[in-house]
């Protein structure tokens, strides 16, 4: 299973960013696509997940209203969009695909929020 994420992004405060995660080697709709981030010097923070089979989502309370997960079954790609960016959103964003028995990680996407 391969998870390939989009490139690093630099944004101004208040802007939005959308990170992608293309999955190959496994049936896309048999996975839950989670998004996890890690800020500088911090631990991993779970943001939520999407079920590509039906588009159902679950968001960590901290991110509700500012984060949107989507999944394109035609290209086997998951997306996370974060709006109203602030400096505290500077982090490496990871997609984490899960089936019943195993986790698969993307390589991470650096998002930097700075003016």
C-alpha atoms as a PDB file:
ATOM      1  CA  UNK A   1       0.000   0.000   0.000  1.00  0.00           C
ATOM      2  CA  UNK A   2       1.356   3.422  -0.974  1.00  0.00           C
ATOM      3  CA  UNK A   3       0.207   6.787   0.307  1.00  0.00           C
ATOM      4  CA  UNK A   4       1.637   9.789  -1.532  1.00  0.00           C
ATOM      5  CA  UNK A   5       0.898  13.250  -0.200  1.00  0.00           C
ATOM      6  CA  UNK A   6       1.086  16.635  -1.857  1.00  0.00           C
ATOM      7  CA  UNK A   7       4.001  19.017  -1.525  1.00  0.00           C
ATOM      8  CA  UNK A   8       4.837  21.461   1.238  1.00  0.00           C
ATOM      9  CA  UNK A   9       2.735  24.604   1.447  1.00  0.00           C
ATOM     10  CA  UNK A  10       3.365  28.122   2.719  1.00  0.00           C
ATOM     11  CA  UNK A  11       0.379  30.264   3.575  1.00  0.00           C
ATOM     12  CA  UNK A  12      -0.385  33.626   5.138  1.00  0.00           C
ATOM     13  CA  UNK A  13      -2.503  33.796   8.285  1.00  0.00           C
ATOM     14  CA  UNK A  14      -6.197  33.732   7.437  1.00  0.00           C
ATOM     15  CA  UNK A  15      -5.721  31.768   4.241  1.00  0.00           C
ATOM     16  CA  UNK A  16      -6.755  28.181   3.490  1.00  0.00           C
ATOM     17  CA  UNK A  17      -4.793  25.098   2.516  1.00  0.00           C
ATOM     18  CA  UNK A  18      -5.773  21.766   0.987  1.00  0.00           C
ATOM     19  CA  UNK A  19      -3.542  18.708   1.321  1.00  0.00           C
ATOM     20  CA  UNK A  20      -4.010  15.554  -0.731  1.00  0.00           C
ATOM     21  CA  UNK A  21      -3.205  11.885  -0.133  1.00  0.00           C
ATOM     22  CA  UNK A  22      -3.292   9.495  -3.091  1.00  0.00           C
ATOM     23  CA  UNK A  23      -3.589   5.826  -2.202  1.00  0.00           C
ATOM     24  CA  UNK A  24      -2.623   2.855  -4.331  1.00  0.00           C
ATOM     25  CA  UNK A  25      -2.264  -0.873  -3.788  1.00  0.00           C
ATOM     26  CA  UNK A  26      -5.451  -1.320  -1.742  1.00  0.00           C
ATOM     27  CA  UNK A  27      -9.150  -0.893  -2.304  1.00  0.00           C
ATOM     28  CA  UNK A  28      -9.749   2.731  -1.397  1.00  0.00           C
ATOM     29  CA  UNK A  29     -13.264   2.212  -0.071  1.00  0.00           C
ATOM     30  CA  UNK A  30     -12.071  -0.476   2.352  1.00  0.00           C
ATOM     31  CA  UNK A  31      -9.980   2.040   4.287  1.00  0.00           C
ATOM     32  CA  UNK A  32     -10.678   4.775   6.800  1.00  0.00           C
ATOM     33  CA  UNK A  33      -8.630   7.857   5.942  1.00  0.00           C
ATOM     34  CA  UNK A  34      -7.450   9.625   9.076  1.00  0.00           C
ATOM     35  CA  UNK A  35      -5.599  12.914   9.283  1.00  0.00           C
ATOM     36  CA  UNK A  36      -2.993  13.526  11.964  1.00  0.00           C
ATOM     37  CA  UNK A  37      -0.681  16.485  12.461  1.00  0.00           C
ATOM     38  CA  UNK A  38       2.481  17.169  14.403  1.00  0.00           C
ATOM     39  CA  UNK A  39       3.533  20.696  15.274  1.00  0.00           C
ATOM     40  CA  UNK A  40       7.146  21.675  16.002  1.00  0.00           C
ATOM     41  CA  UNK A  41       8.265  19.969  19.198  1.00  0.00           C
ATOM     42  CA  UNK A  42       4.799  18.502  19.769  1.00  0.00           C
ATOM     43  CA  UNK A  43       3.220  15.063  19.692  1.00  0.00           C
ATOM     44  CA  UNK A  44       0.835  13.636  17.149  1.00  0.00           C
ATOM     45  CA  UNK A  45      -2.635  15.183  17.096  1.00  0.00           C
ATOM     46  CA  UNK A  46      -5.568  13.325  15.556  1.00  0.00           C
ATOM     47  CA  UNK A  47      -7.791  15.626  13.485  1.00  0.00           C
ATOM     48  CA  UNK A  48     -10.451  13.187  12.359  1.00  0.00           C
ATOM     49  CA  UNK A  49     -11.306  10.752   9.617  1.00  0.00           C
ATOM     50  CA  UNK A  50     -13.441  10.024   6.571  1.00  0.00           C
ATOM     51  CA  UNK A  51     -14.932   6.775   5.296  1.00  0.00           C
ATOM     52  CA  UNK A  52     -14.533   6.924   1.495  1.00  0.00           C
ATOM     53  CA  UNK A  53     -17.241   4.333   1.018  1.00  0.00           C
ATOM     54  CA  UNK A  54     -20.047   6.628   2.123  1.00  0.00           C
ATOM     55  CA  UNK A  55     -18.312   9.962   2.764  1.00  0.00           C
ATOM     56  CA  UNK A  56     -19.063   9.793   6.460  1.00  0.00           C
ATOM     57  CA  UNK A  57     -16.801  11.991   8.577  1.00  0.00           C
ATOM     58  CA  UNK A  58     -15.761  12.389  12.169  1.00  0.00           C
ATOM     59  CA  UNK A  59     -13.920  15.466  13.400  1.00  0.00           C
ATOM     60  CA  UNK A  60     -11.976  16.072  16.569  1.00  0.00           C
ATOM     61  CA  UNK A  61     -13.841  18.760  18.467  1.00  0.00           C
ATOM     62  CA  UNK A  62     -10.938  21.168  18.244  1.00  0.00           C
ATOM     63  CA  UNK A  63     -11.160  21.236  14.446  1.00  0.00           C
ATOM     64  CA  UNK A  64     -14.907  21.239  13.886  1.00  0.00           C
ATOM     65  CA  UNK A  65     -15.959  24.093  11.650  1.00  0.00           C
ATOM     66  CA  UNK A  66     -12.487  24.797  10.321  1.00  0.00           C
ATOM     67  CA  UNK A  67     -11.517  21.479   8.744  1.00  0.00           C
ATOM     68  CA  UNK A  68     -13.152  19.529   5.929  1.00  0.00           C
ATOM     69  CA  UNK A  69     -12.323  16.001   4.816  1.00  0.00           C
ATOM     70  CA  UNK A  70     -13.229  14.770   1.359  1.00  0.00           C
ATOM     71  CA  UNK A  71     -12.490  11.630  -0.624  1.00  0.00           C
ATOM     72  CA  UNK A  72     -12.514  11.154  -4.392  1.00  0.00           C
ATOM     73  CA  UNK A  73     -13.178   7.509  -5.160  1.00  0.00           C
ATOM     74  CA  UNK A  74     -12.429   8.003  -8.875  1.00  0.00           C
ATOM     75  CA  UNK A  75      -8.798   8.884  -8.124  1.00  0.00           C
ATOM     76  CA  UNK A  76      -8.434   7.126  -4.727  1.00  0.00           C
ATOM     77  CA  UNK A  77      -7.407  10.411  -3.153  1.00  0.00           C
ATOM     78  CA  UNK A  78      -8.258  11.875   0.215  1.00  0.00           C
ATOM     79  CA  UNK A  79      -8.135  15.559   1.041  1.00  0.00           C
ATOM     80  CA  UNK A  80      -8.033  17.733   4.112  1.00  0.00           C
ATOM     81  CA  UNK A  81      -8.798  21.434   3.873  1.00  0.00           C
ATOM     82  CA  UNK A  82      -8.061  23.793   6.727  1.00  0.00           C
ATOM     83  CA  UNK A  83      -9.396  27.361   6.696  1.00  0.00           C
ATOM     84  CA  UNK A  84      -8.651  30.528   8.671  1.00  0.00           C
ATOM     85  CA  UNK A  85      -5.076  29.435   9.154  1.00  0.00           C
ATOM     86  CA  UNK A  86      -3.061  30.731  12.076  1.00  0.00           C
ATOM     87  CA  UNK A  87       0.552  30.289  13.106  1.00  0.00           C
ATOM     88  CA  UNK A  88      -0.394  27.460  15.470  1.00  0.00           C
ATOM     89  CA  UNK A  89      -1.463  25.415  12.434  1.00  0.00           C
ATOM     90  CA  UNK A  90       2.160  25.174  11.319  1.00  0.00           C
ATOM     91  CA  UNK A  91       2.792  21.431  11.360  1.00  0.00           C
ATOM     92  CA  UNK A  92       3.469  18.314   9.350  1.00  0.00           C
ATOM     93  CA  UNK A  93       0.165  16.845   8.226  1.00  0.00           C
ATOM     94  CA  UNK A  94      -0.071  13.072   7.747  1.00  0.00           C
ATOM     95  CA  UNK A  95      -2.701  10.876   6.196  1.00  0.00           C
ATOM     96  CA  UNK A  96      -3.161   7.589   7.976  1.00  0.00           C
ATOM     97  CA  UNK A  97      -5.127   4.853   6.227  1.00  0.00           C
ATOM     98  CA  UNK A  98      -6.556   2.099   8.380  1.00  0.00           C
ATOM     99  CA  UNK A  99      -8.153  -1.231   7.655  1.00  0.00           C
ATOM    100  CA  UNK A 100      -9.151  -3.812  10.267  1.00  0.00           C
ATOM    101  CA  UNK A 101      -5.627  -4.952  11.009  1.00  0.00           C
ATOM    102  CA  UNK A 102      -3.047  -2.413   9.894  1.00  0.00           C
ATOM    103  CA  UNK A 103      -2.101   1.260   9.607  1.00  0.00           C
ATOM    104  CA  UNK A 104      -0.516   2.849   6.541  1.00  0.00           C
ATOM    105  CA  UNK A 105       1.123   6.270   6.697  1.00  0.00           C
ATOM    106  CA  UNK A 106       1.753   8.951   4.122  1.00  0.00           C
ATOM    107  CA  UNK A 107       5.124  10.718   4.029  1.00  0.00           C
ATOM    108  CA  UNK A 108       3.753  13.909   5.520  1.00  0.00           C
ATOM    109  CA  UNK A 109       3.165  17.403   4.155  1.00  0.00           C
ATOM    110  CA  UNK A 110       4.733  20.445   5.802  1.00  0.00           C
ATOM    111  CA  UNK A 111       2.299  23.353   6.125  1.00  0.00           C
ATOM    112  CA  UNK A 112       3.825  26.610   7.279  1.00  0.00           C
ATOM    113  CA  UNK A 113       1.676  29.580   8.244  1.00  0.00           C
ATOM    114  CA  UNK A 114       3.636  32.797   8.322  1.00  0.00           C
ATOM    115  CA  UNK A 115       3.329  36.371   7.213  1.00  0.00           C
END
